[in-house]
């Protein structure tokens, strides 16, 4: 699945966006940053989820960006906060493969 990490310039908050449709990373990111002065794409690539972890890999050709070391942690934290918020037993890792 394609992903991009978007950063709100004012707050510094970073959040992931995902896309399964056949769009480029650039098209996907544009939808989430209607005002490029307020938000910027800081990394992009691909990720996959298994039962207990998320892994980031690859490179976005349209944005000329790849994953950062913390992307898997950001994605895992977002996943837990939105989809697994009722399961406090999940932990963060520190590599491109992070437990959910």
N, C-alpha and C. Protein backbone atom coordinates (compact mmCIF):
# COMPACT_ATOMS: atom_id res chain seq x y z
N UNK A 1 0.84 -1.16 0.00
CA UNK A 1 0.00 0.00 0.00
C UNK A 1 0.90 1.24 0.00
N UNK A 2 0.52 2.24 -0.76
CA UNK A 2 1.28 3.50 -0.78
C UNK A 2 0.96 4.30 0.47
N UNK A 3 1.97 5.01 0.95
CA UNK A 3 1.75 5.92 2.06
C UNK A 3 2.62 7.16 1.87
N UNK A 4 2.22 8.21 2.53
CA UNK A 4 3.02 9.44 2.63
C UNK A 4 2.84 9.97 4.05
N UNK A 5 3.89 10.58 4.56
CA UNK A 5 3.80 11.25 5.86
C UNK A 5 3.72 12.74 5.57
N UNK A 6 2.63 13.34 6.04
CA UNK A 6 2.38 14.77 5.83
C UNK A 6 2.69 15.49 7.14
N UNK A 7 3.34 16.63 7.05
CA UNK A 7 3.65 17.43 8.24
C UNK A 7 2.90 18.75 8.16
N UNK A 8 2.19 19.07 9.23
CA UNK A 8 1.59 20.40 9.37
C UNK A 8 2.71 21.35 9.77
N UNK A 9 2.95 22.35 8.96
CA UNK A 9 4.09 23.24 9.17
C UNK A 9 3.96 24.06 10.45
N UNK A 10 2.75 24.51 10.77
CA UNK A 10 2.56 25.33 11.97
C UNK A 10 2.78 24.55 13.27
N UNK A 11 2.23 23.35 13.34
CA UNK A 11 2.30 22.58 14.59
C UNK A 11 3.44 21.57 14.61
N UNK A 12 3.94 21.18 13.44
CA UNK A 12 4.95 20.14 13.37
C UNK A 12 4.37 18.74 13.43
N UNK A 13 3.06 18.62 13.63
CA UNK A 13 2.40 17.32 13.70
C UNK A 13 2.57 16.57 12.38
N UNK A 14 2.92 15.29 12.47
CA UNK A 14 3.05 14.45 11.28
C UNK A 14 2.00 13.36 11.33
N UNK A 15 1.39 13.08 10.17
CA UNK A 15 0.38 12.04 10.11
C UNK A 15 0.50 11.30 8.78
N UNK A 16 0.18 10.00 8.79
CA UNK A 16 0.26 9.23 7.55
C UNK A 16 -1.05 9.29 6.76
N UNK A 17 -0.92 9.19 5.46
CA UNK A 17 -2.07 8.99 4.58
C UNK A 17 -1.76 7.77 3.72
N UNK A 18 -2.80 7.03 3.35
CA UNK A 18 -2.64 5.78 2.64
C UNK A 18 -3.49 5.76 1.38
N UNK A 19 -3.08 4.95 0.42
CA UNK A 19 -3.85 4.83 -0.81
C UNK A 19 -3.64 3.45 -1.41
N UNK A 20 -4.73 2.80 -1.73
CA UNK A 20 -4.67 1.52 -2.43
C UNK A 20 -4.98 1.67 -3.91
N UNK A 21 -5.58 2.79 -4.27
CA UNK A 21 -5.96 3.02 -5.67
C UNK A 21 -4.74 3.27 -6.53
N UNK A 22 -4.86 3.08 -7.82
CA UNK A 22 -3.71 3.30 -8.71
C UNK A 22 -3.43 4.78 -8.96
N UNK A 23 -3.06 5.48 -7.94
CA UNK A 23 -2.68 6.89 -8.01
C UNK A 23 -1.21 6.99 -7.68
N UNK A 24 -0.61 8.09 -8.08
CA UNK A 24 0.78 8.31 -7.69
C UNK A 24 0.81 8.85 -6.27
N UNK A 25 1.97 8.77 -5.66
CA UNK A 25 2.14 9.37 -4.32
C UNK A 25 1.85 10.87 -4.38
N UNK A 26 2.25 11.50 -5.44
CA UNK A 26 2.04 12.95 -5.56
C UNK A 26 0.56 13.29 -5.60
N UNK A 27 -0.23 12.53 -6.37
CA UNK A 27 -1.68 12.76 -6.42
C UNK A 27 -2.31 12.54 -5.06
N UNK A 28 -1.89 11.48 -4.39
CA UNK A 28 -2.42 11.17 -3.07
C UNK A 28 -2.09 12.30 -2.09
N UNK A 29 -0.85 12.76 -2.09
CA UNK A 29 -0.42 13.80 -1.15
C UNK A 29 -1.11 15.13 -1.43
N UNK A 30 -1.32 15.44 -2.69
CA UNK A 30 -1.97 16.71 -3.05
C UNK A 30 -3.36 16.82 -2.43
N UNK A 31 -4.07 15.71 -2.36
CA UNK A 31 -5.41 15.74 -1.76
C UNK A 31 -5.37 16.10 -0.28
N UNK A 32 -4.25 15.82 0.38
CA UNK A 32 -4.13 16.06 1.82
C UNK A 32 -3.40 17.34 2.16
N UNK A 33 -2.96 18.06 1.16
CA UNK A 33 -2.32 19.35 1.43
C UNK A 33 -2.81 20.39 0.42
N UNK A 34 -4.06 20.80 0.59
CA UNK A 34 -4.64 21.78 -0.33
C UNK A 34 -3.88 23.10 -0.33
N UNK A 35 -3.22 23.42 0.77
CA UNK A 35 -2.40 24.63 0.86
C UNK A 35 -0.97 24.20 1.16
N UNK A 36 -0.11 24.12 0.13
CA UNK A 36 1.27 23.67 0.35
C UNK A 36 2.07 24.56 1.30
N UNK A 37 1.58 25.75 1.60
CA UNK A 37 2.24 26.61 2.58
C UNK A 37 1.97 26.15 4.01
N UNK A 38 0.94 25.32 4.20
CA UNK A 38 0.56 24.85 5.53
C UNK A 38 1.00 23.42 5.82
N UNK A 39 1.14 22.60 4.77
CA UNK A 39 1.52 21.20 4.95
C UNK A 39 2.55 20.80 3.91
N UNK A 40 3.45 19.89 4.30
CA UNK A 40 4.43 19.39 3.34
C UNK A 40 4.59 17.88 3.52
N UNK A 41 4.99 17.23 2.45
CA UNK A 41 5.25 15.79 2.49
C UNK A 41 6.70 15.61 2.93
N UNK A 42 6.92 14.85 4.00
CA UNK A 42 8.27 14.66 4.51
C UNK A 42 8.86 13.30 4.16
N UNK A 43 8.02 12.34 3.79
CA UNK A 43 8.51 11.04 3.37
C UNK A 43 7.38 10.29 2.68
N UNK A 44 7.75 9.27 1.93
CA UNK A 44 6.75 8.48 1.21
C UNK A 44 7.37 7.15 0.81
N UNK A 45 6.53 6.19 0.61
CA UNK A 45 6.98 4.87 0.20
C UNK A 45 5.81 3.91 0.19
N UNK A 46 6.11 2.70 0.57
CA UNK A 46 5.11 1.65 0.62
C UNK A 46 5.16 1.00 2.00
N UNK A 47 4.04 0.42 2.41
CA UNK A 47 4.03 -0.28 3.69
C UNK A 47 3.11 -1.48 3.57
N UNK A 48 3.37 -2.42 4.44
CA UNK A 48 2.44 -3.53 4.55
C UNK A 48 2.28 -3.90 6.02
N UNK A 49 1.12 -4.44 6.30
CA UNK A 49 0.76 -4.83 7.65
C UNK A 49 0.67 -6.35 7.72
N UNK A 50 1.23 -6.91 8.75
CA UNK A 50 0.99 -8.31 9.07
C UNK A 50 0.19 -8.30 10.37
N UNK A 51 -0.04 -9.44 10.90
CA UNK A 51 -0.88 -9.49 12.11
C UNK A 51 -0.30 -8.68 13.25
N UNK A 52 1.03 -8.62 13.37
CA UNK A 52 1.63 -7.99 14.53
C UNK A 52 2.62 -6.87 14.22
N UNK A 53 2.75 -6.46 12.96
CA UNK A 53 3.74 -5.42 12.67
C UNK A 53 3.43 -4.68 11.38
N UNK A 54 4.09 -3.55 11.24
CA UNK A 54 4.03 -2.79 10.00
C UNK A 54 5.46 -2.62 9.50
N UNK A 55 5.65 -2.73 8.19
CA UNK A 55 6.96 -2.58 7.58
C UNK A 55 6.87 -1.53 6.47
N UNK A 56 7.84 -0.63 6.43
CA UNK A 56 7.93 0.37 5.37
C UNK A 56 9.10 0.01 4.45
N UNK A 57 8.94 0.36 3.17
CA UNK A 57 9.98 0.04 2.19
C UNK A 57 9.76 0.87 0.93
N UNK A 58 10.66 0.75 -0.02
CA UNK A 58 10.48 1.34 -1.34
C UNK A 58 10.80 2.82 -1.41
N UNK A 59 10.27 3.44 -2.47
CA UNK A 59 10.59 4.82 -2.80
C UNK A 59 9.46 5.38 -3.66
N UNK A 60 9.10 6.62 -3.44
CA UNK A 60 8.11 7.30 -4.27
C UNK A 60 8.83 7.99 -5.42
N UNK A 61 8.57 7.55 -6.64
CA UNK A 61 9.17 8.20 -7.80
C UNK A 61 8.56 9.57 -8.06
N UNK A 62 7.26 9.70 -7.86
CA UNK A 62 6.59 10.97 -8.17
C UNK A 62 6.99 12.08 -7.19
N UNK A 63 7.33 11.73 -5.95
CA UNK A 63 7.74 12.73 -4.96
C UNK A 63 9.26 12.72 -4.74
N UNK A 64 9.93 11.72 -5.28
CA UNK A 64 11.37 11.54 -5.06
C UNK A 64 11.70 11.51 -3.58
N UNK A 65 10.92 10.73 -2.84
CA UNK A 65 11.11 10.57 -1.40
C UNK A 65 11.05 9.08 -1.05
N UNK A 66 11.70 8.73 0.02
CA UNK A 66 11.63 7.37 0.54
C UNK A 66 11.24 7.40 2.00
N UNK A 67 11.15 6.23 2.62
CA UNK A 67 10.81 6.15 4.04
C UNK A 67 11.92 6.70 4.92
N UNK A 68 11.52 7.24 6.05
CA UNK A 68 12.48 7.62 7.09
C UNK A 68 12.49 6.54 8.15
N UNK A 69 13.46 6.58 9.01
CA UNK A 69 13.59 5.58 10.07
C UNK A 69 12.33 5.52 10.94
N UNK A 70 11.70 6.65 11.23
CA UNK A 70 10.55 6.69 12.14
C UNK A 70 9.20 6.47 11.46
N UNK A 71 9.15 6.30 10.16
CA UNK A 71 7.85 6.18 9.49
C UNK A 71 7.04 5.00 10.00
N UNK A 72 7.65 3.84 10.15
CA UNK A 72 6.91 2.67 10.63
C UNK A 72 6.35 2.93 12.02
N UNK A 73 7.11 3.63 12.86
CA UNK A 73 6.61 3.97 14.21
C UNK A 73 5.41 4.91 14.13
N UNK A 74 5.47 5.90 13.25
CA UNK A 74 4.36 6.84 13.09
C UNK A 74 3.12 6.11 12.60
N UNK A 75 3.30 5.25 11.61
CA UNK A 75 2.17 4.49 11.05
C UNK A 75 1.59 3.56 12.12
N UNK A 76 2.46 2.86 12.86
CA UNK A 76 1.97 1.96 13.91
C UNK A 76 1.22 2.72 14.99
N UNK A 77 1.74 3.88 15.39
CA UNK A 77 1.07 4.69 16.41
C UNK A 77 -0.30 5.17 15.91
N UNK A 78 -0.36 5.60 14.66
CA UNK A 78 -1.63 6.04 14.07
C UNK A 78 -2.62 4.88 14.02
N UNK A 79 -2.11 3.73 13.60
CA UNK A 79 -2.96 2.53 13.52
C UNK A 79 -3.53 2.19 14.89
N UNK A 80 -2.66 2.17 15.90
CA UNK A 80 -3.12 1.84 17.25
C UNK A 80 -4.09 2.88 17.78
N UNK A 81 -3.81 4.14 17.53
CA UNK A 81 -4.66 5.21 18.06
C UNK A 81 -6.04 5.22 17.40
N UNK A 82 -6.11 4.81 16.14
CA UNK A 82 -7.39 4.89 15.43
C UNK A 82 -8.11 3.56 15.36
N UNK A 83 -7.38 2.47 15.21
CA UNK A 83 -8.02 1.17 15.01
C UNK A 83 -7.88 0.21 16.18
N UNK A 84 -6.84 0.37 16.96
CA UNK A 84 -6.61 -0.55 18.07
C UNK A 84 -6.61 0.18 19.41
N UNK A 85 -7.33 1.26 19.49
CA UNK A 85 -7.28 2.08 20.70
C UNK A 85 -7.77 1.33 21.94
N UNK A 86 -8.47 0.25 21.76
CA UNK A 86 -8.95 -0.51 22.92
C UNK A 86 -7.97 -1.60 23.34
N UNK A 87 -6.77 -1.65 22.73
CA UNK A 87 -5.77 -2.67 23.06
C UNK A 87 -4.48 -2.00 23.50
N UNK A 88 -4.31 -1.74 24.80
CA UNK A 88 -3.13 -1.01 25.28
C UNK A 88 -1.85 -1.84 25.33
N UNK A 89 -1.90 -3.12 24.94
CA UNK A 89 -0.72 -3.98 25.03
C UNK A 89 0.21 -3.88 23.84
N UNK A 90 -0.03 -2.98 22.90
CA UNK A 90 0.85 -2.83 21.75
C UNK A 90 2.03 -1.95 22.10
N UNK A 91 3.18 -2.21 21.47
CA UNK A 91 4.41 -1.47 21.76
C UNK A 91 5.05 -0.97 20.48
N UNK A 92 5.82 0.10 20.58
CA UNK A 92 6.54 0.64 19.43
C UNK A 92 7.92 0.03 19.33
N UNK A 93 8.41 -0.12 18.11
CA UNK A 93 9.78 -0.55 17.87
C UNK A 93 10.60 0.61 17.36
N UNK A 94 11.79 0.33 16.83
CA UNK A 94 12.65 1.42 16.41
C UNK A 94 13.27 1.18 15.05
N UNK A 95 12.69 0.32 14.22
CA UNK A 95 13.26 0.09 12.89
C UNK A 95 12.16 0.27 11.86
N UNK A 96 12.43 -0.15 10.62
CA UNK A 96 11.42 -0.06 9.58
C UNK A 96 10.33 -1.09 9.75
N UNK A 97 10.53 -2.07 10.60
CA UNK A 97 9.51 -3.05 10.95
C UNK A 97 9.16 -2.82 12.40
N UNK A 98 7.90 -2.51 12.65
CA UNK A 98 7.47 -2.13 14.00
C UNK A 98 6.27 -2.97 14.40
N UNK A 99 6.28 -3.50 15.62
CA UNK A 99 5.12 -4.25 16.09
C UNK A 99 3.91 -3.36 16.23
N UNK A 100 2.75 -3.94 15.95
CA UNK A 100 1.49 -3.23 16.15
C UNK A 100 1.07 -3.50 17.54
